[in-house]
């Protein structure tokens, strides 16, 4: 039953929220170890680092850590190009939602 997998409480045994610095590989490796899935929702900010370090290298680092730890699911949450619907990036990423 799908409802058995819905997280409705922060005390859920199905979900653990871990915060790490995606620009520091050792924190990512520790965070993903033993996970069945990872949600990447990091985004560059003035306090968190530039897009090249967070959105690009950070995502690559998380993906590599997931591969190394044999994490079967990686979900990427992105707001990339949402303000530019005619951009090639937006059009490409939007294809996946229509599959």
PDB file of N, CA and C in Angstrom:
ATOM      1  N   UNK A   1       0.841  -1.177   0.000  1.00  0.00           N
ATOM      2  CA  UNK A   1       0.000   0.000   0.000  1.00  0.00           C
ATOM      3  C   UNK A   1       0.882   1.235   0.000  1.00  0.00           C
ATOM      4  N   UNK A   2       0.635   2.119  -0.919  1.00  0.00           N
ATOM      5  CA  UNK A   2       1.445   3.322  -1.069  1.00  0.00           C
ATOM      6  C   UNK A   2       1.381   4.216   0.158  1.00  0.00           C
ATOM      7  N   UNK A   3       0.267   4.245   0.852  1.00  0.00           N
ATOM      8  CA  UNK A   3       0.124   5.111   2.019  1.00  0.00           C
ATOM      9  C   UNK A   3       1.089   4.725   3.128  1.00  0.00           C
ATOM     10  N   UNK A   4       1.508   3.478   3.151  1.00  0.00           N
ATOM     11  CA  UNK A   4       2.466   3.045   4.165  1.00  0.00           C
ATOM     12  C   UNK A   4       3.797   3.766   4.023  1.00  0.00           C
ATOM     13  N   UNK A   5       4.079   4.285   2.834  1.00  0.00           N
ATOM     14  CA  UNK A   5       5.350   4.947   2.581  1.00  0.00           C
ATOM     15  C   UNK A   5       5.285   6.466   2.694  1.00  0.00           C
ATOM     16  N   UNK A   6       4.108   7.008   2.978  1.00  0.00           N
ATOM     17  CA  UNK A   6       3.963   8.458   3.060  1.00  0.00           C
ATOM     18  C   UNK A   6       4.450   8.941   4.419  1.00  0.00           C
ATOM     19  N   UNK A   7       5.330   9.907   4.397  1.00  0.00           N
ATOM     20  CA  UNK A   7       5.861  10.466   5.637  1.00  0.00           C
ATOM     21  C   UNK A   7       4.921  11.564   6.101  1.00  0.00           C
ATOM     22  N   UNK A   8       4.370  11.405   7.287  1.00  0.00           N
ATOM     23  CA  UNK A   8       3.441  12.401   7.812  1.00  0.00           C
ATOM     24  C   UNK A   8       3.934  13.028   9.101  1.00  0.00           C
ATOM     25  N   UNK A   9       5.083  12.615   9.565  1.00  0.00           N
ATOM     26  CA  UNK A   9       5.582  13.116  10.838  1.00  0.00           C
ATOM     27  C   UNK A   9       7.093  13.203  10.801  1.00  0.00           C
ATOM     28  N   UNK A  10       7.636  14.156  11.535  1.00  0.00           N
ATOM     29  CA  UNK A  10       9.094  14.260  11.608  1.00  0.00           C
ATOM     30  C   UNK A  10       9.688  13.111  12.407  1.00  0.00           C
ATOM     31  N   UNK A  11       8.840  12.341  13.089  1.00  0.00           N
ATOM     32  CA  UNK A  11       9.308  11.185  13.850  1.00  0.00           C
ATOM     33  C   UNK A  11       9.249   9.899  13.028  1.00  0.00           C
ATOM     34  N   UNK A  12       9.089  10.028  11.731  1.00  0.00           N
ATOM     35  CA  UNK A  12       8.943   8.871  10.861  1.00  0.00           C
ATOM     36  C   UNK A  12      10.203   8.016  10.847  1.00  0.00           C
ATOM     37  N   UNK A  13       9.994   6.714  10.783  1.00  0.00           N
ATOM     38  CA  UNK A  13      11.118   5.790  10.632  1.00  0.00           C
ATOM     39  C   UNK A  13      11.519   5.658   9.168  1.00  0.00           C
ATOM     40  N   UNK A  14      10.703   6.214   8.274  1.00  0.00           N
ATOM     41  CA  UNK A  14      10.971   6.111   6.845  1.00  0.00           C
ATOM     42  C   UNK A  14      11.858   7.226   6.324  1.00  0.00           C
ATOM     43  N   UNK A  15      11.928   8.315   7.051  1.00  0.00           N
ATOM     44  CA  UNK A  15      12.642   9.481   6.553  1.00  0.00           C
ATOM     45  C   UNK A  15      13.560  10.040   7.622  1.00  0.00           C
ATOM     46  N   UNK A  16      14.777  10.313   7.223  1.00  0.00           N
ATOM     47  CA  UNK A  16      15.722  10.967   8.118  1.00  0.00           C
ATOM     48  C   UNK A  16      16.253  12.189   7.389  1.00  0.00           C
ATOM     49  N   UNK A  17      16.115  13.331   8.016  1.00  0.00           N
ATOM     50  CA  UNK A  17      16.626  14.565   7.424  1.00  0.00           C
ATOM     51  C   UNK A  17      18.050  14.791   7.910  1.00  0.00           C
ATOM     52  N   UNK A  18      18.964  14.842   6.966  1.00  0.00           N
ATOM     53  CA  UNK A  18      20.359  15.123   7.280  1.00  0.00           C
ATOM     54  C   UNK A  18      20.786  16.344   6.492  1.00  0.00           C
ATOM     55  N   UNK A  19      21.486  17.211   7.142  1.00  0.00           N
ATOM     56  CA  UNK A  19      21.986  18.406   6.480  1.00  0.00           C
ATOM     57  C   UNK A  19      23.492  18.286   6.409  1.00  0.00           C
ATOM     58  N   UNK A  20      24.038  18.524   5.239  1.00  0.00           N
ATOM     59  CA  UNK A  20      25.489  18.476   5.088  1.00  0.00           C
ATOM     60  C   UNK A  20      25.922  19.579   4.137  1.00  0.00           C
ATOM     61  N   UNK A  21      27.190  19.819   4.104  1.00  0.00           N
ATOM     62  CA  UNK A  21      27.763  20.821   3.208  1.00  0.00           C
ATOM     63  C   UNK A  21      28.189  20.098   1.938  1.00  0.00           C
ATOM     64  N   UNK A  22      27.458  20.313   0.847  1.00  0.00           N
ATOM     65  CA  UNK A  22      27.752  19.593  -0.391  1.00  0.00           C
ATOM     66  C   UNK A  22      29.079  19.999  -1.008  1.00  0.00           C
ATOM     67  N   UNK A  23      29.702  21.046  -0.472  1.00  0.00           N
ATOM     68  CA  UNK A  23      31.021  21.447  -0.966  1.00  0.00           C
ATOM     69  C   UNK A  23      32.138  20.740  -0.211  1.00  0.00           C
ATOM     70  N   UNK A  24      31.774  19.912   0.782  1.00  0.00           N
ATOM     71  CA  UNK A  24      32.756  19.153   1.565  1.00  0.00           C
ATOM     72  C   UNK A  24      32.442  17.667   1.394  1.00  0.00           C
ATOM     73  N   UNK A  25      33.173  16.972   0.511  1.00  0.00           N
ATOM     74  CA  UNK A  25      32.849  15.575   0.193  1.00  0.00           C
ATOM     75  C   UNK A  25      32.720  14.646   1.397  1.00  0.00           C
ATOM     76  N   UNK A  26      33.524  14.814   2.426  1.00  0.00           N
ATOM     77  CA  UNK A  26      33.451  13.900   3.570  1.00  0.00           C
ATOM     78  C   UNK A  26      32.104  13.992   4.285  1.00  0.00           C
ATOM     79  N   UNK A  27      31.485  15.176   4.323  1.00  0.00           N
ATOM     80  CA  UNK A  27      30.176  15.289   4.970  1.00  0.00           C
ATOM     81  C   UNK A  27      29.100  14.618   4.127  1.00  0.00           C
ATOM     82  N   UNK A  28      29.249  14.671   2.819  1.00  0.00           N
ATOM     83  CA  UNK A  28      28.289  14.031   1.921  1.00  0.00           C
ATOM     84  C   UNK A  28      28.395  12.518   2.048  1.00  0.00           C
ATOM     85  N   UNK A  29      29.601  12.000   2.044  1.00  0.00           N
ATOM     86  CA  UNK A  29      29.810  10.552   2.146  1.00  0.00           C
ATOM     87  C   UNK A  29      29.193  10.004   3.424  1.00  0.00           C
ATOM     88  N   UNK A  30      29.373  10.717   4.529  1.00  0.00           N
ATOM     89  CA  UNK A  30      28.797  10.297   5.804  1.00  0.00           C
ATOM     90  C   UNK A  30      27.276  10.348   5.750  1.00  0.00           C
ATOM     91  N   UNK A  31      26.736  11.395   5.154  1.00  0.00           N
ATOM     92  CA  UNK A  31      25.282  11.574   5.108  1.00  0.00           C
ATOM     93  C   UNK A  31      24.582  10.510   4.270  1.00  0.00           C
ATOM     94  N   UNK A  32      25.164  10.089   3.160  1.00  0.00           N
ATOM     95  CA  UNK A  32      24.477   9.141   2.273  1.00  0.00           C
ATOM     96  C   UNK A  32      24.735   7.680   2.628  1.00  0.00           C
ATOM     97  N   UNK A  33      25.715   7.417   3.459  1.00  0.00           N
ATOM     98  CA  UNK A  33      26.050   6.032   3.810  1.00  0.00           C
ATOM     99  C   UNK A  33      24.831   5.319   4.394  1.00  0.00           C
ATOM    100  N   UNK A  34      24.462   4.210   3.791  1.00  0.00           N
ATOM    101  CA  UNK A  34      23.349   3.404   4.276  1.00  0.00           C
ATOM    102  C   UNK A  34      21.974   3.875   3.837  1.00  0.00           C
ATOM    103  N   UNK A  35      21.907   4.941   3.073  1.00  0.00           N
ATOM    104  CA  UNK A  35      20.608   5.470   2.642  1.00  0.00           C
ATOM    105  C   UNK A  35      20.013   4.621   1.527  1.00  0.00           C
ATOM    106  N   UNK A  36      18.683   4.586   1.468  1.00  0.00           N
ATOM    107  CA  UNK A  36      17.984   3.932   0.359  1.00  0.00           C
ATOM    108  C   UNK A  36      17.623   4.937  -0.714  1.00  0.00           C
ATOM    109  N   UNK A  37      17.697   6.214  -0.368  1.00  0.00           N
ATOM    110  CA  UNK A  37      17.415   7.279  -1.318  1.00  0.00           C
ATOM    111  C   UNK A  37      17.924   8.597  -0.780  1.00  0.00           C
ATOM    112  N   UNK A  38      18.248   9.498  -1.688  1.00  0.00           N
ATOM    113  CA  UNK A  38      18.752  10.820  -1.321  1.00  0.00           C
ATOM    114  C   UNK A  38      17.991  11.855  -2.139  1.00  0.00           C
ATOM    115  N   UNK A  39      17.587  12.934  -1.482  1.00  0.00           N
ATOM    116  CA  UNK A  39      16.970  14.066  -2.163  1.00  0.00           C
ATOM    117  C   UNK A  39      17.968  15.213  -2.126  1.00  0.00           C
ATOM    118  N   UNK A  40      18.402  15.644  -3.299  1.00  0.00           N
ATOM    119  CA  UNK A  40      19.335  16.767  -3.411  1.00  0.00           C
ATOM    120  C   UNK A  40      18.509  18.018  -3.654  1.00  0.00           C
ATOM    121  N   UNK A  41      18.467  18.902  -2.650  1.00  0.00           N
ATOM    122  CA  UNK A  41      17.695  20.143  -2.766  1.00  0.00           C
ATOM    123  C   UNK A  41      18.561  21.345  -2.426  1.00  0.00           C
ATOM    124  N   UNK A  42      19.862  21.206  -2.602  1.00  0.00           N
ATOM    125  CA  UNK A  42      20.780  22.304  -2.302  1.00  0.00           C
ATOM    126  C   UNK A  42      20.710  23.354  -3.393  1.00  0.00           C
ATOM    127  N   UNK A  43      21.025  24.567  -3.014  1.00  0.00           N
ATOM    128  CA  UNK A  43      21.046  25.656  -3.980  1.00  0.00           C
ATOM    129  C   UNK A  43      22.068  26.687  -3.543  1.00  0.00           C
ATOM    130  N   UNK A  44      22.738  27.261  -4.493  1.00  0.00           N
ATOM    131  CA  UNK A  44      23.745  28.274  -4.191  1.00  0.00           C
ATOM    132  C   UNK A  44      23.095  29.488  -3.533  1.00  0.00           C
ATOM    133  N   UNK A  45      23.848  30.127  -2.664  1.00  0.00           N
ATOM    134  CA  UNK A  45      23.386  31.348  -2.008  1.00  0.00           C
ATOM    135  C   UNK A  45      24.600  32.154  -1.588  1.00  0.00           C
ATOM    136  N   UNK A  46      24.362  33.361  -1.146  1.00  0.00           N
ATOM    137  CA  UNK A  46      25.477  34.192  -0.690  1.00  0.00           C
ATOM    138  C   UNK A  46      26.200  33.538   0.481  1.00  0.00           C
ATOM    139  N   UNK A  47      25.450  32.886   1.367  1.00  0.00           N
ATOM    140  CA  UNK A  47      26.052  32.239   2.528  1.00  0.00           C
ATOM    141  C   UNK A  47      26.592  30.845   2.215  1.00  0.00           C
ATOM    142  N   UNK A  48      26.003  30.174   1.230  1.00  0.00           N
ATOM    143  CA  UNK A  48      26.335  28.783   0.985  1.00  0.00           C
ATOM    144  C   UNK A  48      27.356  28.513  -0.094  1.00  0.00           C
ATOM    145  N   UNK A  49      27.666  29.493  -0.895  1.00  0.00           N
ATOM    146  CA  UNK A  49      28.653  29.293  -1.937  1.00  0.00           C
ATOM    147  C   UNK A  49      28.108  29.580  -3.317  1.00  0.00           C
ATOM    148  N   UNK A  50      29.000  29.685  -4.287  1.00  0.00           N
ATOM    149  CA  UNK A  50      28.601  30.016  -5.657  1.00  0.00           C
ATOM    150  C   UNK A  50      27.961  28.818  -6.371  1.00  0.00           C
ATOM    151  N   UNK A  51      27.202  29.075  -7.432  1.00  0.00           N
ATOM    152  CA  UNK A  51      26.560  27.990  -8.170  1.00  0.00           C
ATOM    153  C   UNK A  51      27.531  26.911  -8.652  1.00  0.00           C
ATOM    154  N   UNK A  52      28.716  27.298  -9.069  1.00  0.00           N
ATOM    155  CA  UNK A  52      29.667  26.291  -9.561  1.00  0.00           C
ATOM    156  C   UNK A  52      30.057  25.308  -8.465  1.00  0.00           C
ATOM    157  N   UNK A  53      30.108  25.767  -7.217  1.00  0.00           N
ATOM    158  CA  UNK A  53      30.501  24.898  -6.102  1.00  0.00           C
ATOM    159  C   UNK A  53      29.334  24.086  -5.560  1.00  0.00           C
ATOM    160  N   UNK A  54      28.138  24.658  -5.552  1.00  0.00           N
ATOM    161  CA  UNK A  54      26.983  23.999  -4.944  1.00  0.00           C
ATOM    162  C   UNK A  54      26.153  23.254  -5.987  1.00  0.00           C
ATOM    163  N   UNK A  55      25.633  23.988  -6.963  1.00  0.00           N
ATOM    164  CA  UNK A  55      24.717  23.397  -7.941  1.00  0.00           C
ATOM    165  C   UNK A  55      25.408  22.457  -8.917  1.00  0.00           C
ATOM    166  N   UNK A  56      26.657  22.699  -9.212  1.00  0.00           N
ATOM    167  CA  UNK A  56      27.380  21.874 -10.175  1.00  0.00           C
ATOM    168  C   UNK A  56      28.241  20.838  -9.447  1.00  0.00           C
ATOM    169  N   UNK A  57      29.352  21.273  -8.886  1.00  0.00           N
ATOM    170  CA  UNK A  57      30.278  20.339  -8.229  1.00  0.00           C
ATOM    171  C   UNK A  57      29.611  19.634  -7.048  1.00  0.00           C
ATOM    172  N   UNK A  58      28.738  20.345  -6.328  1.00  0.00           N
ATOM    173  CA  UNK A  58      28.050  19.734  -5.191  1.00  0.00           C
ATOM    174  C   UNK A  58      27.159  18.587  -5.618  1.00  0.00           C
ATOM    175  N   UNK A  59      26.406  18.789  -6.684  1.00  0.00           N
ATOM    176  CA  UNK A  59      25.539  17.722  -7.189  1.00  0.00           C
ATOM    177  C   UNK A  59      26.356  16.548  -7.708  1.00  0.00           C
ATOM    178  N   UNK A  60      27.422  16.836  -8.424  1.00  0.00           N
ATOM    179  CA  UNK A  60      28.295  15.758  -8.920  1.00  0.00           C
ATOM    180  C   UNK A  60      28.859  14.967  -7.740  1.00  0.00           C
ATOM    181  N   UNK A  61      29.276  15.671  -6.694  1.00  0.00           N
ATOM    182  CA  UNK A  61      29.810  15.002  -5.505  1.00  0.00           C
ATOM    183  C   UNK A  61      28.781  14.124  -4.821  1.00  0.00           C
ATOM    184  N   UNK A  62      27.554  14.615  -4.717  1.00  0.00           N
ATOM    185  CA  UNK A  62      26.483  13.823  -4.109  1.00  0.00           C
ATOM    186  C   UNK A  62      26.193  12.596  -4.970  1.00  0.00           C
ATOM    187  N   UNK A  63      26.134  12.766  -6.272  1.00  0.00           N
ATOM    188  CA  UNK A  63      25.882  11.632  -7.167  1.00  0.00           C
ATOM    189  C   UNK A  63      26.983  10.584  -7.042  1.00  0.00           C
ATOM    190  N   UNK A  64      28.236  11.023  -7.010  1.00  0.00           N
ATOM    191  CA  UNK A  64      29.349  10.076  -6.854  1.00  0.00           C
ATOM    192  C   UNK A  64      29.273   9.355  -5.515  1.00  0.00           C
ATOM    193  N   UNK A  65      28.939  10.088  -4.448  1.00  0.00           N
ATOM    194  CA  UNK A  65      28.818   9.459  -3.131  1.00  0.00           C
ATOM    195  C   UNK A  65      27.688   8.437  -3.130  1.00  0.00           C
ATOM    196  N   UNK A  66      26.590   8.746  -3.818  1.00  0.00           N
ATOM    197  CA  UNK A  66      25.482   7.794  -3.914  1.00  0.00           C
ATOM    198  C   UNK A  66      25.904   6.538  -4.671  1.00  0.00           C
ATOM    199  N   UNK A  67      26.655   6.713  -5.743  1.00  0.00           N
ATOM    200  CA  UNK A  67      27.149   5.563  -6.506  1.00  0.00           C
ATOM    201  C   UNK A  67      28.086   4.728  -5.646  1.00  0.00           C
ATOM    202  N   UNK A  68      29.028   5.385  -4.981  1.00  0.00           N
ATOM    203  CA  UNK A  68      29.993   4.670  -4.139  1.00  0.00           C
ATOM    204  C   UNK A  68      29.313   3.923  -2.998  1.00  0.00           C
ATOM    205  N   UNK A  69      28.242   4.505  -2.454  1.00  0.00           N
ATOM    206  CA  UNK A  69      27.527   3.884  -1.333  1.00  0.00           C
ATOM    207  C   UNK A  69      26.377   2.999  -1.793  1.00  0.00           C
ATOM    208  N   UNK A  70      26.246   2.846  -3.112  1.00  0.00           N
ATOM    209  CA  UNK A  70      25.196   2.007  -3.696  1.00  0.00           C
ATOM    210  C   UNK A  70      23.789   2.449  -3.276  1.00  0.00           C
ATOM    211  N   UNK A  71      23.581   3.764  -3.216  1.00  0.00           N
ATOM    212  CA  UNK A  71      22.256   4.317  -2.928  1.00  0.00           C
ATOM    213  C   UNK A  71      21.432   4.176  -4.211  1.00  0.00           C
ATOM    214  N   UNK A  72      20.301   3.462  -4.153  1.00  0.00           N
ATOM    215  CA  UNK A  72      19.566   3.178  -5.385  1.00  0.00           C
ATOM    216  C   UNK A  72      18.763   4.339  -5.973  1.00  0.00           C
ATOM    217  N   UNK A  73      18.494   5.370  -5.178  1.00  0.00           N
ATOM    218  CA  UNK A  73      17.647   6.461  -5.671  1.00  0.00           C
ATOM    219  C   UNK A  73      18.243   7.816  -5.317  1.00  0.00           C
ATOM    220  N   UNK A  74      18.351   8.681  -6.321  1.00  0.00           N
ATOM    221  CA  UNK A  74      18.776  10.066  -6.125  1.00  0.00           C
ATOM    222  C   UNK A  74      17.754  10.956  -6.818  1.00  0.00           C
ATOM    223  N   UNK A  75      17.089  11.797  -6.045  1.00  0.00           N
ATOM    224  CA  UNK A  75      16.101  12.735  -6.569  1.00  0.00           C
ATOM    225  C   UNK A  75      16.726  14.122  -6.540  1.00  0.00           C
ATOM    226  N   UNK A  76      16.653  14.824  -7.648  1.00  0.00           N
ATOM    227  CA  UNK A  76      17.239  16.158  -7.742  1.00  0.00           C
ATOM    228  C   UNK A  76      16.111  17.176  -7.854  1.00  0.00           C
ATOM    229  N   UNK A  77      16.056  18.089  -6.890  1.00  0.00           N
ATOM    230  CA  UNK A  77      15.083  19.175  -6.902  1.00  0.00           C
ATOM    231  C   UNK A  77      15.806  20.398  -7.436  1.00  0.00           C
ATOM    232  N   UNK A  78      15.279  20.976  -8.497  1.00  0.00           N
ATOM    233  CA  UNK A  78      15.962  22.100  -9.128  1.00  0.00           C
ATOM    234  C   UNK A  78      14.974  23.175  -9.551  1.00  0.00           C
ATOM    235  N   UNK A  79      15.410  24.395  -9.425  1.00  0.00           N
ATOM    236  CA  UNK A  79      14.620  25.512  -9.945  1.00  0.00           C
ATOM    237  C   UNK A  79      15.312  26.101 -11.167  1.00  0.00           C
ATOM    238  N   UNK A  80      16.233  25.339 -11.736  1.00  0.00           N
ATOM    239  CA  UNK A  80      17.010  25.806 -12.878  1.00  0.00           C
ATOM    240  C   UNK A  80      16.146  26.277 -14.028  1.00  0.00           C
ATOM    241  N   UNK A  81      16.340  27.503 -14.423  1.00  0.00           N
ATOM    242  CA  UNK A  81      15.708  28.108 -15.593  1.00  0.00           C
ATOM    243  C   UNK A  81      14.200  28.278 -15.487  1.00  0.00           C
ATOM    244  N   UNK A  82      13.626  28.227 -14.287  1.00  0.00           N
ATOM    245  CA  UNK A  82      12.169  28.355 -14.181  1.00  0.00           C
ATOM    246  C   UNK A  82      11.664  29.723 -14.621  1.00  0.00           C
ATOM    247  N   UNK A  83      12.518  30.717 -14.568  1.00  0.00           N
ATOM    248  CA  UNK A  83      12.090  32.048 -15.002  1.00  0.00           C
ATOM    249  C   UNK A  83      12.337  32.272 -16.487  1.00  0.00           C
ATOM    250  N   UNK A  84      12.878  31.243 -17.157  1.00  0.00           N
ATOM    251  CA  UNK A  84      13.187  31.358 -18.586  1.00  0.00           C
ATOM    252  C   UNK A  84      12.653  30.128 -19.324  1.00  0.00           C
ATOM    253  N   UNK A  85      11.324  30.018 -19.472  1.00  0.00           N
ATOM    254  CA  UNK A  85      10.759  28.808 -20.073  1.00  0.00           C
ATOM    255  C   UNK A  85      11.170  28.548 -21.517  1.00  0.00           C
ATOM    256  N   UNK A  86      11.709  29.534 -22.194  1.00  0.00           N
ATOM    257  CA  UNK A  86      12.142  29.297 -23.572  1.00  0.00           C
ATOM    258  C   UNK A  86      13.613  28.887 -23.657  1.00  0.00           C
ATOM    259  N   UNK A  87      14.286  28.827 -22.504  1.00  0.00           N
ATOM    260  CA  UNK A  87      15.706  28.464 -22.527  1.00  0.00           C
ATOM    261  C   UNK A  87      15.875  26.968 -22.801  1.00  0.00           C
ATOM    262  N   UNK A  88      16.962  26.580 -23.451  1.00  0.00           N
ATOM    263  CA  UNK A  88      17.211  25.160 -23.717  1.00  0.00           C
ATOM    264  C   UNK A  88      17.287  24.328 -22.437  1.00  0.00           C
ATOM    265  N   UNK A  89      17.847  24.879 -21.367  1.00  0.00           N
ATOM    266  CA  UNK A  89      17.945  24.139 -20.101  1.00  0.00           C
ATOM    267  C   UNK A  89      16.552  23.828 -19.571  1.00  0.00           C
ATOM    268  N   UNK A  90      15.681  24.818 -19.540  1.00  0.00           N
ATOM    269  CA  UNK A  90      14.310  24.612 -19.062  1.00  0.00           C
ATOM    270  C   UNK A  90      13.602  23.565 -19.917  1.00  0.00           C
ATOM    271  N   UNK A  91      13.697  23.700 -21.215  1.00  0.00           N
ATOM    272  CA  UNK A  91      13.007  22.774 -22.107  1.00  0.00           C
ATOM    273  C   UNK A  91      13.520  21.350 -21.938  1.00  0.00           C
ATOM    274  N   UNK A  92      14.830  21.201 -21.772  1.00  0.00           N
ATOM    275  CA  UNK A  92      15.398  19.868 -21.577  1.00  0.00           C
ATOM    276  C   UNK A  92      14.928  19.260 -20.260  1.00  0.00           C
ATOM    277  N   UNK A  93      15.052  20.013 -19.159  1.00  0.00           N
ATOM    278  CA  UNK A  93      14.663  19.482 -17.852  1.00  0.00           C
ATOM    279  C   UNK A  93      13.167  19.209 -17.778  1.00  0.00           C
ATOM    280  N   UNK A  94      12.369  20.012 -18.448  1.00  0.00           N
ATOM    281  CA  UNK A  94      10.929  19.839 -18.425  1.00  0.00           C
ATOM    282  C   UNK A  94      10.496  18.568 -19.160  1.00  0.00           C
ATOM    283  N   UNK A  95      11.318  18.052 -20.034  1.00  0.00           N
ATOM    284  CA  UNK A  95      11.002  16.802 -20.727  1.00  0.00           C
ATOM    285  C   UNK A  95      10.785  15.664 -19.746  1.00  0.00           C
ATOM    286  N   UNK A  96      11.566  15.630 -18.667  1.00  0.00           N
ATOM    287  CA  UNK A  96      11.502  14.515 -17.732  1.00  0.00           C
ATOM    288  C   UNK A  96      10.186  14.481 -16.968  1.00  0.00           C
ATOM    289  N   UNK A  97       9.586  15.644 -16.741  1.00  0.00           N
ATOM    290  CA  UNK A  97       8.292  15.686 -16.081  1.00  0.00           C
ATOM    291  C   UNK A  97       7.162  15.204 -16.968  1.00  0.00           C
ATOM    292  N   UNK A  98       7.397  15.170 -18.260  1.00  0.00           N
ATOM    293  CA  UNK A  98       6.352  14.769 -19.207  1.00  0.00           C
ATOM    294  C   UNK A  98       6.460  13.307 -19.624  1.00  0.00           C
ATOM    295  N   UNK A  99       7.446  12.617 -19.097  1.00  0.00           N
ATOM    296  CA  UNK A  99       7.634  11.208 -19.477  1.00  0.00           C
ATOM    297  C   UNK A  99       6.627  10.341 -18.752  1.00  0.00           C
TER     298      UNK A  99
END
